[in-house]
Amino acid sequence: MIRRIYQSLPGPSPVRILAMTLIALLLLAVLLVFYEWLGTTLLDSGGSIG
């Protein structure tokens, strides 16, 4: 699957590697934002400790 995505990107290999890196960083950022939203909306206990 990753190889298929890599081969579908335009340009030479260095450009493809840069594009795949940017895509991976973007997906990681979206995942972290989603986890932060999930933690603050659904999993927050209201600030009590213990």
C-alpha atoms as a PDB file:
ATOM      1  CA  MET A   1       0.000   0.000   0.000  1.00  0.00           C
ATOM      2  CA  ILE A   2       2.756   2.465   0.903  1.00  0.00           C
ATOM      3  CA  ARG A   3       4.705   1.466  -2.199  1.00  0.00           C
ATOM      4  CA  ARG A   4       1.628   2.094  -4.352  1.00  0.00           C
ATOM      5  CA  ILE A   5       1.167   5.564  -2.838  1.00  0.00           C
ATOM      6  CA  TYR A   6       4.880   6.296  -3.305  1.00  0.00           C
ATOM      7  CA  GLN A   7       4.813   5.271  -6.963  1.00  0.00           C
ATOM      8  CA  SER A   8       1.706   7.351  -7.660  1.00  0.00           C
ATOM      9  CA  LEU A   9       3.464  10.556  -6.575  1.00  0.00           C
ATOM     10  CA  PRO A  10       4.929  12.711  -9.367  1.00  0.00           C
ATOM     11  CA  GLY A  11       8.577  13.661  -9.665  1.00  0.00           C
ATOM     12  CA  PRO A  12      11.964  12.094  -8.969  1.00  0.00           C
ATOM     13  CA  SER A  13      12.757  10.042  -5.883  1.00  0.00           C
ATOM     14  CA  PRO A  14      13.925  12.906  -3.609  1.00  0.00           C
ATOM     15  CA  VAL A  15      10.712  14.810  -4.289  1.00  0.00           C
ATOM     16  CA  ARG A  16       8.647  11.683  -3.614  1.00  0.00           C
ATOM     17  CA  ILE A  17      10.454  11.062  -0.328  1.00  0.00           C
ATOM     18  CA  LEU A  18       9.885  14.677   0.729  1.00  0.00           C
ATOM     19  CA  ALA A  19       6.198  14.428  -0.184  1.00  0.00           C
ATOM     20  CA  MET A  20       5.772  11.160   1.745  1.00  0.00           C
ATOM     21  CA  THR A  21       7.488  12.733   4.767  1.00  0.00           C
ATOM     22  CA  LEU A  22       5.187  15.743   4.646  1.00  0.00           C
ATOM     23  CA  ILE A  23       2.132  13.498   4.312  1.00  0.00           C
ATOM     24  CA  ALA A  24       3.249  11.409   7.297  1.00  0.00           C
ATOM     25  CA  LEU A  25       3.830  14.526   9.424  1.00  0.00           C
ATOM     26  CA  LEU A  26       0.433  15.914   8.455  1.00  0.00           C
ATOM     27  CA  LEU A  27      -1.295  12.649   9.394  1.00  0.00           C
ATOM     28  CA  LEU A  28       0.571  12.595  12.713  1.00  0.00           C
ATOM     29  CA  ALA A  29      -0.497  16.164  13.473  1.00  0.00           C
ATOM     30  CA  VAL A  30      -4.132  15.361  12.656  1.00  0.00           C
ATOM     31  CA  LEU A  31      -3.963  12.269  14.872  1.00  0.00           C
ATOM     32  CA  LEU A  32      -2.531  14.263  17.787  1.00  0.00           C
ATOM     33  CA  VAL A  33      -5.208  16.952  17.424  1.00  0.00           C
ATOM     34  CA  PHE A  34      -7.876  14.255  17.362  1.00  0.00           C
ATOM     35  CA  TYR A  35      -6.484  12.605  20.509  1.00  0.00           C
ATOM     36  CA  GLU A  36      -6.312  15.976  22.255  1.00  0.00           C
ATOM     37  CA  TRP A  37      -9.928  16.718  21.325  1.00  0.00           C
ATOM     38  CA  LEU A  38     -11.009  13.243  22.421  1.00  0.00           C
ATOM     39  CA  GLY A  39      -9.221  13.617  25.744  1.00  0.00           C
ATOM     40  CA  THR A  40     -10.684  17.014  26.534  1.00  0.00           C
ATOM     41  CA  THR A  41     -14.267  16.285  25.483  1.00  0.00           C
ATOM     42  CA  LEU A  42     -14.959  12.653  26.333  1.00  0.00           C
ATOM     43  CA  LEU A  43     -12.296  11.533  28.779  1.00  0.00           C
ATOM     44  CA  ASP A  44     -11.905  14.625  30.980  1.00  0.00           C
ATOM     45  CA  SER A  45     -12.993  13.880  34.524  1.00  0.00           C
ATOM     46  CA  GLY A  46     -13.549  17.529  35.432  1.00  0.00           C
ATOM     47  CA  GLY A  47     -10.159  18.236  36.979  1.00  0.00           C
ATOM     48  CA  SER A  48     -10.396  16.084  40.076  1.00  0.00           C
ATOM     49  CA  ILE A  49      -7.195  14.379  41.157  1.00  0.00           C
ATOM     50  CA  GLY A  50      -7.293  10.912  42.583  1.00  0.00           C
END
